[in-house]
Protein backbone atom coordinates (compact mmCIF):
# COMPACT_ATOMS: atom_id res chain seq x y z
CA UNK A 1 0.00 0.00 0.00
CA UNK A 2 1.47 3.37 -0.91
CA UNK A 3 1.68 6.21 1.56
CA UNK A 4 -0.72 9.18 1.38
CA UNK A 5 2.12 11.52 0.33
CA UNK A 6 3.07 9.24 -2.60
CA UNK A 7 -0.56 9.01 -3.65
CA UNK A 8 -0.92 12.82 -3.38
CA UNK A 9 2.12 13.22 -5.62
CA UNK A 10 0.82 10.68 -8.14
CA UNK A 11 -2.67 12.21 -8.31
CA UNK A 12 -1.29 15.71 -8.69
CA UNK A 13 1.06 14.61 -11.49
CA UNK A 14 -1.83 12.83 -13.21
CA UNK A 15 -3.91 16.03 -12.99
CA UNK A 16 -1.03 18.15 -14.34
CA UNK A 17 -0.54 15.74 -17.26
CA UNK A 18 -4.22 15.98 -18.18
CA UNK A 19 -5.66 19.01 -19.96
CA UNK A 20 -6.00 21.10 -16.79
CA UNK A 21 -3.84 24.08 -15.97
CA UNK A 22 -2.57 23.67 -12.41
CA UNK A 23 -0.92 26.45 -10.38
CA UNK A 24 0.82 25.55 -7.14
CA UNK A 25 0.05 27.92 -4.23
CA UNK A 26 3.22 27.20 -2.26
CA UNK A 27 6.13 24.74 -2.22
CA UNK A 28 4.08 21.89 -0.78
CA UNK A 29 1.75 19.76 -2.84
CA UNK A 30 -1.28 20.35 -0.65
CA UNK A 31 -2.72 23.57 -2.07
CA UNK A 32 -3.13 24.55 -5.69
CA UNK A 33 -5.45 26.15 -8.24
CA UNK A 34 -6.94 24.35 -11.22
CA UNK A 35 -8.47 26.14 -14.21
CA UNK A 36 -11.85 24.50 -14.75
CA UNK A 37 -13.97 25.01 -17.90
CA UNK A 38 -17.77 24.90 -17.76
CA UNK A 39 -19.27 21.80 -19.35
CA UNK A 40 -20.44 21.97 -22.98
CA UNK A 41 -24.17 22.17 -23.67
CA UNK A 42 -24.82 23.86 -20.33
CA UNK A 43 -25.36 27.50 -19.34
CA UNK A 44 -21.80 27.34 -17.91
CA UNK A 45 -20.27 26.61 -21.34
CA UNK A 46 -17.50 29.09 -22.16
CA UNK A 47 -16.87 29.97 -18.51
CA UNK A 48 -13.50 29.33 -16.89
CA UNK A 49 -13.11 29.18 -13.13
CA UNK A 50 -10.08 29.12 -10.92
CA UNK A 51 -10.79 26.36 -8.40
CA UNK A 52 -8.78 26.14 -5.19
CA UNK A 53 -7.95 22.62 -4.08
CA UNK A 54 -6.63 21.81 -0.65
CA UNK A 55 -5.53 18.27 0.08
CA UNK A 56 -5.74 17.20 3.73
CA UNK A 57 -2.83 15.30 5.32
CA UNK A 58 -4.94 12.13 5.18
CA UNK A 59 -5.64 12.40 1.41
CA UNK A 60 -6.74 10.10 -0.32
CA UNK A 61 -8.55 8.72 2.73
CA UNK A 62 -10.06 12.14 3.39
CA UNK A 63 -11.63 14.22 0.60
CA UNK A 64 -10.01 17.34 -0.88
CA UNK A 65 -11.48 20.73 -0.06
CA UNK A 66 -12.76 22.43 -3.24
CA UNK A 67 -13.78 26.07 -3.74
CA UNK A 68 -14.41 28.41 -6.66
CA UNK A 69 -12.25 31.56 -6.56
CA UNK A 70 -14.16 33.60 -9.14
CA UNK A 71 -17.93 33.92 -8.74
CA UNK A 72 -20.32 31.32 -10.05
CA UNK A 73 -24.12 31.33 -9.86
CA UNK A 74 -25.19 27.88 -8.68
CA UNK A 75 -27.51 26.53 -5.96
CA UNK A 76 -24.79 24.29 -4.49
CA UNK A 77 -21.95 26.84 -4.43
CA UNK A 78 -21.77 29.58 -1.81
CA UNK A 79 -21.64 32.84 -3.78
CA UNK A 80 -19.38 34.66 -1.31
CA UNK A 81 -16.88 31.97 -0.27
CA UNK A 82 -17.01 29.74 -3.36
CA UNK A 83 -17.44 26.66 -1.14
CA UNK A 84 -18.90 23.67 -2.93
CA UNK A 85 -21.68 21.56 -1.45
CA UNK A 86 -20.94 18.32 -3.21
CA UNK A 87 -22.08 15.06 -1.66
CA UNK A 88 -19.42 12.90 -3.28
CA UNK A 89 -16.61 15.16 -2.15
CA UNK A 90 -17.96 15.96 1.29
CA UNK A 91 -19.57 12.71 2.44
CA UNK A 92 -19.16 9.77 0.09
CA UNK A 93 -15.51 10.28 -0.84
CA UNK A 94 -13.52 7.09 -1.32
CA UNK A 95 -9.75 6.57 -1.77
CA UNK A 96 -10.67 4.99 -5.13
CA UNK A 97 -11.38 8.51 -6.47
CA UNK A 98 -8.62 10.85 -7.57
CA UNK A 99 -8.21 14.51 -8.51
CA UNK A 100 -8.92 13.88 -12.19
CA UNK A 101 -12.32 12.41 -11.14
CA UNK A 102 -13.09 15.67 -9.32
CA UNK A 103 -12.55 17.77 -12.47
CA UNK A 104 -13.77 15.33 -15.12
CA UNK A 105 -16.77 13.87 -13.33
CA UNK A 106 -17.83 15.45 -10.03
CA UNK A 107 -17.69 19.18 -10.87
CA UNK A 108 -19.15 18.82 -14.39
CA UNK A 109 -21.99 16.70 -12.91
CA UNK A 110 -22.58 19.33 -10.24
CA UNK A 111 -22.90 22.07 -12.87
CA UNK A 112 -25.03 19.96 -15.21
CA UNK A 113 -27.37 18.65 -12.49
CA UNK A 114 -27.69 21.17 -9.63
CA UNK A 115 -29.51 20.07 -6.49
CA UNK A 116 -31.79 22.95 -5.45
CA UNK A 117 -33.13 20.97 -2.45
CA UNK A 118 -29.74 21.19 -0.67
CA UNK A 119 -28.65 24.77 -1.44
CA UNK A 120 -25.73 26.90 -0.33
CA UNK A 121 -27.12 29.71 -2.49
CA UNK A 122 -30.82 29.89 -1.62
CA UNK A 123 -31.57 32.60 -4.18
CA UNK A 124 -30.14 30.52 -7.03
CA UNK A 125 -32.02 27.44 -5.83
CA UNK A 126 -35.34 29.31 -5.61
CA UNK A 127 -34.87 30.91 -9.03
CA UNK A 128 -33.94 27.58 -10.60
CA UNK A 129 -37.08 25.90 -9.23
CA UNK A 130 -39.37 28.85 -10.03
CA UNK A 131 -38.09 30.00 -13.43
CA UNK A 132 -35.45 27.84 -15.15
CA UNK A 133 -34.98 30.09 -18.25
CA UNK A 134 -34.27 33.13 -16.02
CA UNK A 135 -31.94 31.03 -13.88
CA UNK A 136 -30.03 29.89 -17.00
CA UNK A 137 -29.79 33.52 -18.15
CA UNK A 138 -28.38 34.60 -14.75
CA UNK A 139 -25.80 31.78 -14.95
CA UNK A 140 -24.73 33.05 -18.38
CA UNK A 141 -24.50 36.64 -17.08
CA UNK A 142 -22.21 35.48 -14.25
CA UNK A 143 -20.08 33.58 -16.79
CA UNK A 144 -19.77 36.73 -18.90
CA UNK A 145 -19.00 38.93 -15.91
CA UNK A 146 -16.78 36.71 -13.74
CA UNK A 147 -15.59 33.66 -15.72
CA UNK A 148 -14.04 34.89 -18.95
CA UNK A 149 -10.80 33.06 -19.79
CA UNK A 150 -8.80 36.32 -19.69
CA UNK A 151 -10.08 37.11 -16.17
CA UNK A 152 -8.82 33.90 -14.60
CA UNK A 153 -5.42 35.34 -13.68
CA UNK A 154 -7.01 38.33 -11.99
CA UNK A 155 -9.42 36.27 -9.86
CA UNK A 156 -6.98 35.80 -6.96
CA UNK A 157 -5.67 39.36 -7.07
CA UNK A 158 -9.22 40.74 -7.07
CA UNK A 159 -10.10 38.95 -3.85
CA UNK A 160 -6.99 40.11 -2.02
CA UNK A 161 -7.35 43.73 -3.17
CA UNK A 162 -10.97 43.77 -1.97
CA UNK A 163 -9.81 42.64 1.46
CA UNK A 164 -7.19 45.41 1.53
CA UNK A 165 -9.84 48.02 0.72
CA UNK A 166 -11.74 47.12 3.88
CA UNK A 167 -8.81 47.96 6.15
CA UNK A 168 -8.52 51.62 7.10
CA UNK A 169 -5.40 53.40 8.23
CA UNK A 170 -5.53 54.95 11.70
CA UNK A 171 -6.06 58.45 10.22
CA UNK A 172 -8.91 57.24 7.99
CA UNK A 173 -10.42 55.36 10.92
CA UNK A 174 -10.33 58.45 13.15
CA UNK A 175 -11.79 60.71 10.47
CA UNK A 176 -14.59 58.29 9.63
CA UNK A 177 -15.59 58.20 13.32
CA UNK A 178 -15.85 61.99 13.38
CA UNK A 179 -17.96 62.02 10.23
CA UNK A 180 -20.39 59.54 11.73
CA UNK A 181 -20.60 60.84 15.30
CA UNK A 182 -19.58 64.47 14.86
CA UNK A 183 -17.00 66.28 17.00
CA UNK A 184 -16.78 65.44 20.70
CA UNK A 185 -17.97 68.11 23.15
CA UNK A 186 -15.03 70.08 24.68
């Protein structure tokens, strides 16, 4: 039986040798991005997403953590965090599966057959059940706005620059307090 680290190495090499673009996050082999294309003949066709994959120490005995970096409109994907609610990955994972299965089977199946009865994005689930053509149109709008192939490199930078915008310097913090509360009485 091979060790988890050997298996991790093998699965990652297999993924890199397939048609997926893989970007390592650091020197280890536990965190990386994969460029994932929306399945053909779906409203996601033409979209490209940067998907963050984190392999736990116990991989392949424990499932990888998967999240979309750029926005996607889907009932089973949290719009803010990009977390994926995917039964096979989260509950029924088996060491027989590998990373190529995640990108060739599990994620395409998730996009082709959303499960609105177990949503992470309640609005998307409700719209899908109520008005499928409008839901499909919203998916396409998100693809156009957030998942163009040329935007994929900017997806990570966008998230980190948004976080920086939220932090105020001490001077900005002090001045914003005064604007809200007014000057203190002498």
